[in-house]
């Protein structure tokens, strides 16, 4: 072991266990992230310019939670391990064994938001903007939980802060979960709060969502250079990872959304003259 390698901290992935009932840090991260996001969105939509009321946000909570769980699980099954689950279809339901995909969860939340917007006749892009502001909270907590679980570790490294993970072999590795928590969580949350502090205008709907997509995609693509690819996938064509591949469409969609919002704002200014 290199002189400066850091042993993995002895943190039990199970926070509390009473008989067969156990609360894991990972599950707690999802619960706390959803609750904090819900409360922050309720405050956000009470500011001038937003047409979604706090009562609608309360009802949206169920849709979003379902989208996160179903989308995250199905995304992992389809993107990261389709062969295994094709042979063991009943394992798809075993979410307690782990295996969630952010990109799948994102698609699940978008689908849930579309259904909710149509049922309540609310602007879909405004719902997306509100959710985009608070999503980094869940990302931060989820990555911290990944670190506690000793999973999704980084590539081998000799940096002074490299960590020897229990299931990652004897070599020290980048704590890439913490890199993601910092970039996808803290940094991206500050960026989103900065742009959300500006007056919200209907012609700019979708811009906050676009900024989030750009920020997350850039953060994820960057961290993937330090993160160990999933064992069952390895590197894809050209040395790209699945996380980077899935983030490229996000980056493109985010750029289009931001440019479209700027175009609509410019048109409104020209019309007002």
C-alpha atoms as a PDB file:
ATOM      1  CA  UNK A   1       0.000   0.000   0.000  1.00  0.00           C
ATOM      2  CA  UNK A   2       1.385   3.447  -0.876  1.00  0.00           C
ATOM      3  CA  UNK A   3       2.468   5.573   2.040  1.00  0.00           C
ATOM      4  CA  UNK A   4      -0.363   8.093   1.727  1.00  0.00           C
ATOM      5  CA  UNK A   5      -3.259   5.736   0.950  1.00  0.00           C
ATOM      6  CA  UNK A   6      -6.278   6.302   3.189  1.00  0.00           C
ATOM      7  CA  UNK A   7      -8.041   3.253   4.651  1.00  0.00           C
ATOM      8  CA  UNK A   8     -11.761   3.161   4.008  1.00  0.00           C
ATOM      9  CA  UNK A   9     -13.653   4.513   7.059  1.00  0.00           C
ATOM     10  CA  UNK A  10     -15.547   1.823   8.928  1.00  0.00           C
ATOM     11  CA  UNK A  11     -19.088   3.091   8.330  1.00  0.00           C
ATOM     12  CA  UNK A  12     -21.891   0.550   8.506  1.00  0.00           C
ATOM     13  CA  UNK A  13     -24.137   0.892   5.425  1.00  0.00           C
ATOM     14  CA  UNK A  14     -27.069   0.064   7.734  1.00  0.00           C
ATOM     15  CA  UNK A  15     -27.968   3.067   9.846  1.00  0.00           C
ATOM     16  CA  UNK A  16     -30.519   1.374  12.106  1.00  0.00           C
ATOM     17  CA  UNK A  17     -31.662  -2.224  12.293  1.00  0.00           C
ATOM     18  CA  UNK A  18     -34.500  -3.557  14.451  1.00  0.00           C
ATOM     19  CA  UNK A  19     -34.950  -7.265  13.857  1.00  0.00           C
ATOM     20  CA  UNK A  20     -35.436  -7.840  10.112  1.00  0.00           C
ATOM     21  CA  UNK A  21     -36.204  -4.147   9.555  1.00  0.00           C
ATOM     22  CA  UNK A  22     -33.202  -2.088   8.460  1.00  0.00           C
ATOM     23  CA  UNK A  23     -32.758   1.519   7.398  1.00  0.00           C
ATOM     24  CA  UNK A  24     -29.765   1.999   5.131  1.00  0.00           C
ATOM     25  CA  UNK A  25     -27.895   5.223   4.499  1.00  0.00           C
ATOM     26  CA  UNK A  26     -28.681   4.840   0.803  1.00  0.00           C
ATOM     27  CA  UNK A  27     -32.433   4.697   1.384  1.00  0.00           C
ATOM     28  CA  UNK A  28     -32.194   7.589   3.828  1.00  0.00           C
ATOM     29  CA  UNK A  29     -30.388   9.662   1.184  1.00  0.00           C
ATOM     30  CA  UNK A  30     -33.323   9.194  -1.201  1.00  0.00           C
ATOM     31  CA  UNK A  31     -35.888  10.062   1.480  1.00  0.00           C
ATOM     32  CA  UNK A  32     -34.081  13.142   2.783  1.00  0.00           C
ATOM     33  CA  UNK A  33     -33.283  14.340  -0.750  1.00  0.00           C
ATOM     34  CA  UNK A  34     -36.921  14.083  -1.836  1.00  0.00           C
ATOM     35  CA  UNK A  35     -38.229  15.814   1.305  1.00  0.00           C
ATOM     36  CA  UNK A  36     -35.710  18.674   1.147  1.00  0.00           C
ATOM     37  CA  UNK A  37     -36.330  19.117  -2.574  1.00  0.00           C
ATOM     38  CA  UNK A  38     -40.084  19.175  -2.029  1.00  0.00           C
ATOM     39  CA  UNK A  39     -39.830  21.892   0.623  1.00  0.00           C
ATOM     40  CA  UNK A  40     -37.462  24.021  -1.458  1.00  0.00           C
ATOM     41  CA  UNK A  41     -39.698  23.791  -4.543  1.00  0.00           C
ATOM     42  CA  UNK A  42     -42.699  24.887  -2.441  1.00  0.00           C
ATOM     43  CA  UNK A  43     -40.787  28.039  -1.489  1.00  0.00           C
ATOM     44  CA  UNK A  44     -39.479  28.609  -4.990  1.00  0.00           C
ATOM     45  CA  UNK A  45     -42.885  28.611  -6.711  1.00  0.00           C
ATOM     46  CA  UNK A  46     -44.238  31.238  -4.315  1.00  0.00           C
ATOM     47  CA  UNK A  47     -41.942  33.816  -5.893  1.00  0.00           C
ATOM     48  CA  UNK A  48     -43.246  36.166  -8.614  1.00  0.00           C
ATOM     49  CA  UNK A  49     -43.499  34.728 -12.106  1.00  0.00           C
ATOM     50  CA  UNK A  50     -44.206  31.110 -11.179  1.00  0.00           C
ATOM     51  CA  UNK A  51     -47.677  29.763 -11.975  1.00  0.00           C
ATOM     52  CA  UNK A  52     -47.345  26.462 -10.099  1.00  0.00           C
ATOM     53  CA  UNK A  53     -48.750  26.740  -6.594  1.00  0.00           C
ATOM     54  CA  UNK A  54     -47.468  24.985  -3.453  1.00  0.00           C
ATOM     55  CA  UNK A  55     -50.549  22.745  -3.438  1.00  0.00           C
ATOM     56  CA  UNK A  56     -49.667  21.449  -6.911  1.00  0.00           C
ATOM     57  CA  UNK A  57     -46.120  20.790  -5.704  1.00  0.00           C
ATOM     58  CA  UNK A  58     -47.521  18.632  -2.905  1.00  0.00           C
ATOM     59  CA  UNK A  59     -49.385  16.514  -5.451  1.00  0.00           C
ATOM     60  CA  UNK A  60     -46.366  16.427  -7.761  1.00  0.00           C
ATOM     61  CA  UNK A  61     -44.324  14.782  -5.009  1.00  0.00           C
ATOM     62  CA  UNK A  62     -45.969  11.380  -5.557  1.00  0.00           C
ATOM     63  CA  UNK A  63     -45.371  11.461  -9.312  1.00  0.00           C
ATOM     64  CA  UNK A  64     -41.731  12.451  -8.911  1.00  0.00           C
ATOM     65  CA  UNK A  65     -41.019   9.810  -6.268  1.00  0.00           C
ATOM     66  CA  UNK A  66     -42.504   7.115  -8.484  1.00  0.00           C
ATOM     67  CA  UNK A  67     -40.525   8.393 -11.471  1.00  0.00           C
ATOM     68  CA  UNK A  68     -37.255   8.329  -9.520  1.00  0.00           C
ATOM     69  CA  UNK A  69     -37.708   4.768  -8.280  1.00  0.00           C
ATOM     70  CA  UNK A  70     -39.123   3.157 -11.425  1.00  0.00           C
ATOM     71  CA  UNK A  71     -36.993   5.142 -13.860  1.00  0.00           C
ATOM     72  CA  UNK A  72     -33.822   4.706 -11.832  1.00  0.00           C
ATOM     73  CA  UNK A  73     -34.262   0.963 -11.576  1.00  0.00           C
ATOM     74  CA  UNK A  74     -35.318   0.350 -15.170  1.00  0.00           C
ATOM     75  CA  UNK A  75     -32.515   2.611 -16.371  1.00  0.00           C
ATOM     76  CA  UNK A  76     -29.958   0.505 -14.521  1.00  0.00           C
ATOM     77  CA  UNK A  77     -31.455  -2.706 -15.903  1.00  0.00           C
ATOM     78  CA  UNK A  78     -31.480  -1.459 -19.511  1.00  0.00           C
ATOM     79  CA  UNK A  79     -28.312   0.658 -19.586  1.00  0.00           C
ATOM     80  CA  UNK A  80     -25.906  -1.209 -17.343  1.00  0.00           C
ATOM     81  CA  UNK A  81     -26.827  -4.899 -17.060  1.00  0.00           C
ATOM     82  CA  UNK A  82     -29.493  -5.956 -19.590  1.00  0.00           C
ATOM     83  CA  UNK A  83     -27.990  -9.407 -20.180  1.00  0.00           C
ATOM     84  CA  UNK A  84     -28.124 -10.413 -16.534  1.00  0.00           C
ATOM     85  CA  UNK A  85     -31.697  -9.253 -16.009  1.00  0.00           C
ATOM     86  CA  UNK A  86     -32.803 -10.886 -19.241  1.00  0.00           C
ATOM     87  CA  UNK A  87     -31.660 -14.172 -17.725  1.00  0.00           C
ATOM     88  CA  UNK A  88     -33.026 -13.312 -14.252  1.00  0.00           C
ATOM     89  CA  UNK A  89     -36.142 -11.155 -14.853  1.00  0.00           C
ATOM     90  CA  UNK A  90     -37.447 -11.542 -11.291  1.00  0.00           C
ATOM     91  CA  UNK A  91     -34.292  -9.809 -10.021  1.00  0.00           C
ATOM     92  CA  UNK A  92     -35.517  -6.590 -11.621  1.00  0.00           C
ATOM     93  CA  UNK A  93     -37.824  -6.153  -8.639  1.00  0.00           C
ATOM     94  CA  UNK A  94     -35.013  -6.664  -6.096  1.00  0.00           C
ATOM     95  CA  UNK A  95     -34.199  -2.998  -5.654  1.00  0.00           C
ATOM     96  CA  UNK A  96     -32.877  -3.693  -2.142  1.00  0.00           C
ATOM     97  CA  UNK A  97     -29.866  -5.380  -3.769  1.00  0.00           C
ATOM     98  CA  UNK A  98     -28.862  -2.042  -5.299  1.00  0.00           C
ATOM     99  CA  UNK A  99     -28.639  -0.842  -8.853  1.00  0.00           C
ATOM    100  CA  UNK A 100     -30.071   2.573  -9.753  1.00  0.00           C
ATOM    101  CA  UNK A 101     -29.265   4.814 -12.707  1.00  0.00           C
ATOM    102  CA  UNK A 102     -29.440   8.592 -12.545  1.00  0.00           C
ATOM    103  CA  UNK A 103     -30.075   8.858 -16.274  1.00  0.00           C
ATOM    104  CA  UNK A 104     -32.941   6.382 -15.933  1.00  0.00           C
ATOM    105  CA  UNK A 105     -34.291   8.282 -12.946  1.00  0.00           C
ATOM    106  CA  UNK A 106     -34.131  11.499 -14.972  1.00  0.00           C
ATOM    107  CA  UNK A 107     -36.188   9.949 -17.759  1.00  0.00           C
ATOM    108  CA  UNK A 108     -38.621   8.631 -15.148  1.00  0.00           C
ATOM    109  CA  UNK A 109     -39.065  12.068 -13.588  1.00  0.00           C
ATOM    110  CA  UNK A 110     -39.535  13.689 -17.008  1.00  0.00           C
ATOM    111  CA  UNK A 111     -42.201  11.134 -17.879  1.00  0.00           C
ATOM    112  CA  UNK A 112     -43.923  11.658 -14.523  1.00  0.00           C
ATOM    113  CA  UNK A 113     -43.790  15.438 -15.020  1.00  0.00           C
ATOM    114  CA  UNK A 114     -45.392  15.146 -18.463  1.00  0.00           C
ATOM    115  CA  UNK A 115     -48.256  13.082 -17.049  1.00  0.00           C
ATOM    116  CA  UNK A 116     -48.734  15.454 -14.114  1.00  0.00           C
ATOM    117  CA  UNK A 117     -48.626  18.570 -16.302  1.00  0.00           C
ATOM    118  CA  UNK A 118     -51.250  17.155 -18.646  1.00  0.00           C
ATOM    119  CA  UNK A 119     -53.540  16.046 -15.833  1.00  0.00           C
ATOM    120  CA  UNK A 120     -53.394  19.471 -14.150  1.00  0.00           C
ATOM    121  CA  UNK A 121     -53.021  21.581 -17.298  1.00  0.00           C
ATOM    122  CA  UNK A 122     -49.816  23.132 -15.977  1.00  0.00           C
ATOM    123  CA  UNK A 123     -46.780  24.227 -18.033  1.00  0.00           C
ATOM    124  CA  UNK A 124     -44.490  21.217 -18.326  1.00  0.00           C
ATOM    125  CA  UNK A 125     -41.302  23.247 -18.757  1.00  0.00           C
ATOM    126  CA  UNK A 126     -42.043  25.211 -15.599  1.00  0.00           C
ATOM    127  CA  UNK A 127     -42.292  21.962 -13.658  1.00  0.00           C
ATOM    128  CA  UNK A 128     -38.971  20.875 -15.157  1.00  0.00           C
ATOM    129  CA  UNK A 129     -37.359  24.170 -14.154  1.00  0.00           C
ATOM    130  CA  UNK A 130     -38.545  23.876 -10.558  1.00  0.00           C
ATOM    131  CA  UNK A 131     -37.310  20.294 -10.228  1.00  0.00           C
ATOM    132  CA  UNK A 132     -33.987  21.139 -11.867  1.00  0.00           C
ATOM    133  CA  UNK A 133     -33.169  23.657  -9.139  1.00  0.00           C
ATOM    134  CA  UNK A 134     -33.418  21.091  -6.335  1.00  0.00           C
ATOM    135  CA  UNK A 135     -32.150  17.904  -8.012  1.00  0.00           C
ATOM    136  CA  UNK A 136     -28.506  18.528  -6.964  1.00  0.00           C
ATOM    137  CA  UNK A 137     -29.590  18.027  -3.339  1.00  0.00           C
ATOM    138  CA  UNK A 138     -30.509  14.421  -4.033  1.00  0.00           C
ATOM    139  CA  UNK A 139     -27.389  13.933  -6.140  1.00  0.00           C
ATOM    140  CA  UNK A 140     -25.164  15.110  -3.287  1.00  0.00           C
ATOM    141  CA  UNK A 141     -26.794  12.848  -0.722  1.00  0.00           C
ATOM    142  CA  UNK A 142     -26.862   9.885  -3.105  1.00  0.00           C
ATOM    143  CA  UNK A 143     -23.150  10.129  -3.879  1.00  0.00           C
ATOM    144  CA  UNK A 144     -22.303  10.366  -0.197  1.00  0.00           C
ATOM    145  CA  UNK A 145     -24.347   7.193   0.308  1.00  0.00           C
ATOM    146  CA  UNK A 146     -22.424   5.541  -2.541  1.00  0.00           C
ATOM    147  CA  UNK A 147     -19.209   6.323  -0.687  1.00  0.00           C
ATOM    148  CA  UNK A 148     -20.556   4.927   2.575  1.00  0.00           C
ATOM    149  CA  UNK A 149     -21.576   1.749   0.737  1.00  0.00           C
ATOM    150  CA  UNK A 150     -18.063   1.455  -0.712  1.00  0.00           C
ATOM    151  CA  UNK A 151     -19.431   1.239  -4.261  1.00  0.00           C
ATOM    152  CA  UNK A 152     -18.879   3.020  -7.585  1.00  0.00           C
ATOM    153  CA  UNK A 153     -15.283   3.732  -6.610  1.00  0.00           C
ATOM    154  CA  UNK A 154     -12.693   5.420  -8.784  1.00  0.00           C
ATOM    155  CA  UNK A 155      -9.757   4.221 -10.821  1.00  0.00           C
ATOM    156  CA  UNK A 156      -6.439   3.250  -9.265  1.00  0.00           C
ATOM    157  CA  UNK A 157      -4.396   6.266  -8.212  1.00  0.00           C
ATOM    158  CA  UNK A 158      -1.445   7.358  -6.075  1.00  0.00           C
ATOM    159  CA  UNK A 159      -2.856  10.768  -5.110  1.00  0.00           C
ATOM    160  CA  UNK A 160      -2.497  11.468  -1.358  1.00  0.00           C
ATOM    161  CA  UNK A 161      -6.253  11.253  -0.806  1.00  0.00           C
ATOM    162  CA  UNK A 162      -6.695   7.907  -2.599  1.00  0.00           C
ATOM    163  CA  UNK A 163      -8.799   5.410  -0.647  1.00  0.00           C
ATOM    164  CA  UNK A 164      -8.498   1.631  -0.329  1.00  0.00           C
ATOM    165  CA  UNK A 165     -12.094   0.409  -0.690  1.00  0.00           C
ATOM    166  CA  UNK A 166     -13.137  -2.901   0.946  1.00  0.00           C
ATOM    167  CA  UNK A 167     -14.295  -4.461  -2.328  1.00  0.00           C
ATOM    168  CA  UNK A 168     -12.016  -2.547  -4.664  1.00  0.00           C
ATOM    169  CA  UNK A 169      -8.889  -4.639  -4.288  1.00  0.00           C
ATOM    170  CA  UNK A 170      -5.644  -3.717  -2.507  1.00  0.00           C
ATOM    171  CA  UNK A 171      -4.789  -0.698  -4.661  1.00  0.00           C
ATOM    172  CA  UNK A 172      -5.856   2.798  -3.576  1.00  0.00           C
ATOM    173  CA  UNK A 173      -8.447   4.488  -5.743  1.00  0.00           C
ATOM    174  CA  UNK A 174      -9.900   7.906  -6.450  1.00  0.00           C
ATOM    175  CA  UNK A 175     -12.880   8.576  -4.146  1.00  0.00           C
ATOM    176  CA  UNK A 176     -14.873   9.461  -7.254  1.00  0.00           C
ATOM    177  CA  UNK A 177     -18.153   9.361  -5.318  1.00  0.00           C
ATOM    178  CA  UNK A 178     -16.949  12.417  -3.380  1.00  0.00           C
ATOM    179  CA  UNK A 179     -15.870  14.132  -6.598  1.00  0.00           C
ATOM    180  CA  UNK A 180     -19.398  13.639  -7.908  1.00  0.00           C
ATOM    181  CA  UNK A 181     -20.928  14.816  -4.631  1.00  0.00           C
ATOM    182  CA  UNK A 182     -18.899  18.014  -4.923  1.00  0.00           C
ATOM    183  CA  UNK A 183     -19.518  18.739  -8.610  1.00  0.00           C
ATOM    184  CA  UNK A 184     -23.000  17.296  -9.222  1.00  0.00           C
ATOM    185  CA  UNK A 185     -24.176  18.257  -5.754  1.00  0.00           C
ATOM    186  CA  UNK A 186     -22.609  21.318  -4.164  1.00  0.00           C
ATOM    187  CA  UNK A 187     -21.292  23.184  -7.217  1.00  0.00           C
ATOM    188  CA  UNK A 188     -24.334  22.490  -9.388  1.00  0.00           C
ATOM    189  CA  UNK A 189     -26.723  23.442  -6.570  1.00  0.00           C
ATOM    190  CA  UNK A 190     -24.985  26.807  -6.171  1.00  0.00           C
ATOM    191  CA  UNK A 191     -25.210  27.370  -9.921  1.00  0.00           C
ATOM    192  CA  UNK A 192     -28.911  26.521  -9.981  1.00  0.00           C
ATOM    193  CA  UNK A 193     -29.699  28.717  -6.979  1.00  0.00           C
ATOM    194  CA  UNK A 194     -27.867  31.617  -8.618  1.00  0.00           C
ATOM    195  CA  UNK A 195     -29.906  31.433 -11.822  1.00  0.00           C
ATOM    196  CA  UNK A 196     -33.133  30.715  -9.892  1.00  0.00           C
ATOM    197  CA  UNK A 197     -32.624  33.914  -7.896  1.00  0.00           C
ATOM    198  CA  UNK A 198     -33.372  35.944 -11.017  1.00  0.00           C
ATOM    199  CA  UNK A 199     -36.965  36.943 -11.860  1.00  0.00           C
ATOM    200  CA  UNK A 200     -38.774  34.033 -13.509  1.00  0.00           C
ATOM    201  CA  UNK A 201     -40.346  34.815 -16.876  1.00  0.00           C
ATOM    202  CA  UNK A 202     -42.709  32.586 -18.881  1.00  0.00           C
ATOM    203  CA  UNK A 203     -40.756  33.098 -22.108  1.00  0.00           C
ATOM    204  CA  UNK A 204     -37.690  31.583 -20.433  1.00  0.00           C
ATOM    205  CA  UNK A 205     -39.384  28.366 -19.364  1.00  0.00           C
ATOM    206  CA  UNK A 206     -37.053  25.432 -19.822  1.00  0.00           C
ATOM    207  CA  UNK A 207     -33.887  27.501 -19.363  1.00  0.00           C
ATOM    208  CA  UNK A 208     -33.263  26.371 -15.784  1.00  0.00           C
ATOM    209  CA  UNK A 209     -33.771  22.791 -16.881  1.00  0.00           C
ATOM    210  CA  UNK A 210     -31.297  23.337 -19.706  1.00  0.00           C
ATOM    211  CA  UNK A 211     -28.708  24.810 -17.350  1.00  0.00           C
ATOM    212  CA  UNK A 212     -29.061  21.782 -15.102  1.00  0.00           C
ATOM    213  CA  UNK A 213     -28.622  19.366 -18.011  1.00  0.00           C
ATOM    214  CA  UNK A 214     -25.475  21.169 -19.144  1.00  0.00           C
ATOM    215  CA  UNK A 215     -24.039  21.355 -15.628  1.00  0.00           C
ATOM    216  CA  UNK A 216     -24.734  17.731 -14.784  1.00  0.00           C
ATOM    217  CA  UNK A 217     -23.459  16.433 -18.125  1.00  0.00           C
ATOM    218  CA  UNK A 218     -20.187  18.346 -17.834  1.00  0.00           C
ATOM    219  CA  UNK A 219     -19.698  17.234 -14.230  1.00  0.00           C
ATOM    220  CA  UNK A 220     -20.464  13.584 -14.980  1.00  0.00           C
ATOM    221  CA  UNK A 221     -18.316  13.449 -18.120  1.00  0.00           C
ATOM    222  CA  UNK A 222     -15.412  14.938 -16.149  1.00  0.00           C
ATOM    223  CA  UNK A 223     -15.691  12.620 -13.151  1.00  0.00           C
ATOM    224  CA  UNK A 224     -15.980   9.558 -15.387  1.00  0.00           C
ATOM    225  CA  UNK A 225     -12.294  10.042 -16.219  1.00  0.00           C
ATOM    226  CA  UNK A 226     -11.574   9.208 -12.559  1.00  0.00           C
ATOM    227  CA  UNK A 227     -14.322   6.629 -11.974  1.00  0.00           C
ATOM    228  CA  UNK A 228     -13.868   2.914 -12.577  1.00  0.00           C
ATOM    229  CA  UNK A 229     -16.246   1.725 -15.318  1.00  0.00           C
ATOM    230  CA  UNK A 230     -18.848  -0.866 -14.369  1.00  0.00           C
ATOM    231  CA  UNK A 231     -17.213  -4.302 -14.419  1.00  0.00           C
ATOM    232  CA  UNK A 232     -19.847  -5.843 -16.698  1.00  0.00           C
ATOM    233  CA  UNK A 233     -19.426  -3.046 -19.270  1.00  0.00           C
ATOM    234  CA  UNK A 234     -15.865  -1.782 -19.073  1.00  0.00           C
ATOM    235  CA  UNK A 235     -14.842   0.859 -21.584  1.00  0.00           C
ATOM    236  CA  UNK A 236     -16.922   1.320 -24.706  1.00  0.00           C
ATOM    237  CA  UNK A 237     -15.718   2.208 -28.189  1.00  0.00           C
ATOM    238  CA  UNK A 238     -12.959   4.804 -28.096  1.00  0.00           C
ATOM    239  CA  UNK A 239     -12.454   4.468 -24.331  1.00  0.00           C
ATOM    240  CA  UNK A 240     -15.712   6.224 -23.500  1.00  0.00           C
ATOM    241  CA  UNK A 241     -17.765   5.019 -20.530  1.00  0.00           C
ATOM    242  CA  UNK A 242     -21.504   4.403 -20.362  1.00  0.00           C
ATOM    243  CA  UNK A 243     -21.889   7.373 -18.013  1.00  0.00           C
ATOM    244  CA  UNK A 244     -20.229   9.655 -20.557  1.00  0.00           C
ATOM    245  CA  UNK A 245     -22.231   8.222 -23.437  1.00  0.00           C
ATOM    246  CA  UNK A 246     -25.527   8.809 -21.638  1.00  0.00           C
ATOM    247  CA  UNK A 247     -24.477  12.332 -20.654  1.00  0.00           C
ATOM    248  CA  UNK A 248     -23.769  13.510 -24.202  1.00  0.00           C
ATOM    249  CA  UNK A 249     -27.487  13.707 -25.194  1.00  0.00           C
ATOM    250  CA  UNK A 250     -28.112  15.584 -21.936  1.00  0.00           C
ATOM    251  CA  UNK A 251     -25.465  18.134 -22.870  1.00  0.00           C
ATOM    252  CA  UNK A 252     -26.950  18.631 -26.330  1.00  0.00           C
ATOM    253  CA  UNK A 253     -30.515  18.904 -24.990  1.00  0.00           C
ATOM    254  CA  UNK A 254     -29.391  21.417 -22.369  1.00  0.00           C
ATOM    255  CA  UNK A 255     -27.674  23.639 -24.939  1.00  0.00           C
ATOM    256  CA  UNK A 256     -30.761  23.569 -27.169  1.00  0.00           C
ATOM    257  CA  UNK A 257     -33.039  24.446 -24.220  1.00  0.00           C
ATOM    258  CA  UNK A 258     -30.894  27.413 -23.158  1.00  0.00           C
ATOM    259  CA  UNK A 259     -30.559  28.753 -26.709  1.00  0.00           C
ATOM    260  CA  UNK A 260     -34.295  28.343 -27.254  1.00  0.00           C
ATOM    261  CA  UNK A 261     -35.044  30.285 -24.064  1.00  0.00           C
ATOM    262  CA  UNK A 262     -32.711  33.102 -25.119  1.00  0.00           C
ATOM    263  CA  UNK A 263     -34.325  33.195 -28.550  1.00  0.00           C
ATOM    264  CA  UNK A 264     -37.812  33.544 -27.081  1.00  0.00           C
ATOM    265  CA  UNK A 265     -36.641  36.280 -24.704  1.00  0.00           C
ATOM    266  CA  UNK A 266     -35.086  38.191 -27.614  1.00  0.00           C
ATOM    267  CA  UNK A 267     -38.284  37.889 -29.645  1.00  0.00           C
ATOM    268  CA  UNK A 268     -40.355  39.220 -26.768  1.00  0.00           C
ATOM    269  CA  UNK A 269     -38.065  42.228 -26.378  1.00  0.00           C
ATOM    270  CA  UNK A 270     -38.297  42.961 -30.082  1.00  0.00           C
ATOM    271  CA  UNK A 271     -42.095  42.678 -29.984  1.00  0.00           C
ATOM    272  CA  UNK A 272     -42.317  45.014 -26.984  1.00  0.00           C
ATOM    273  CA  UNK A 273     -40.428  47.781 -28.797  1.00  0.00           C
END
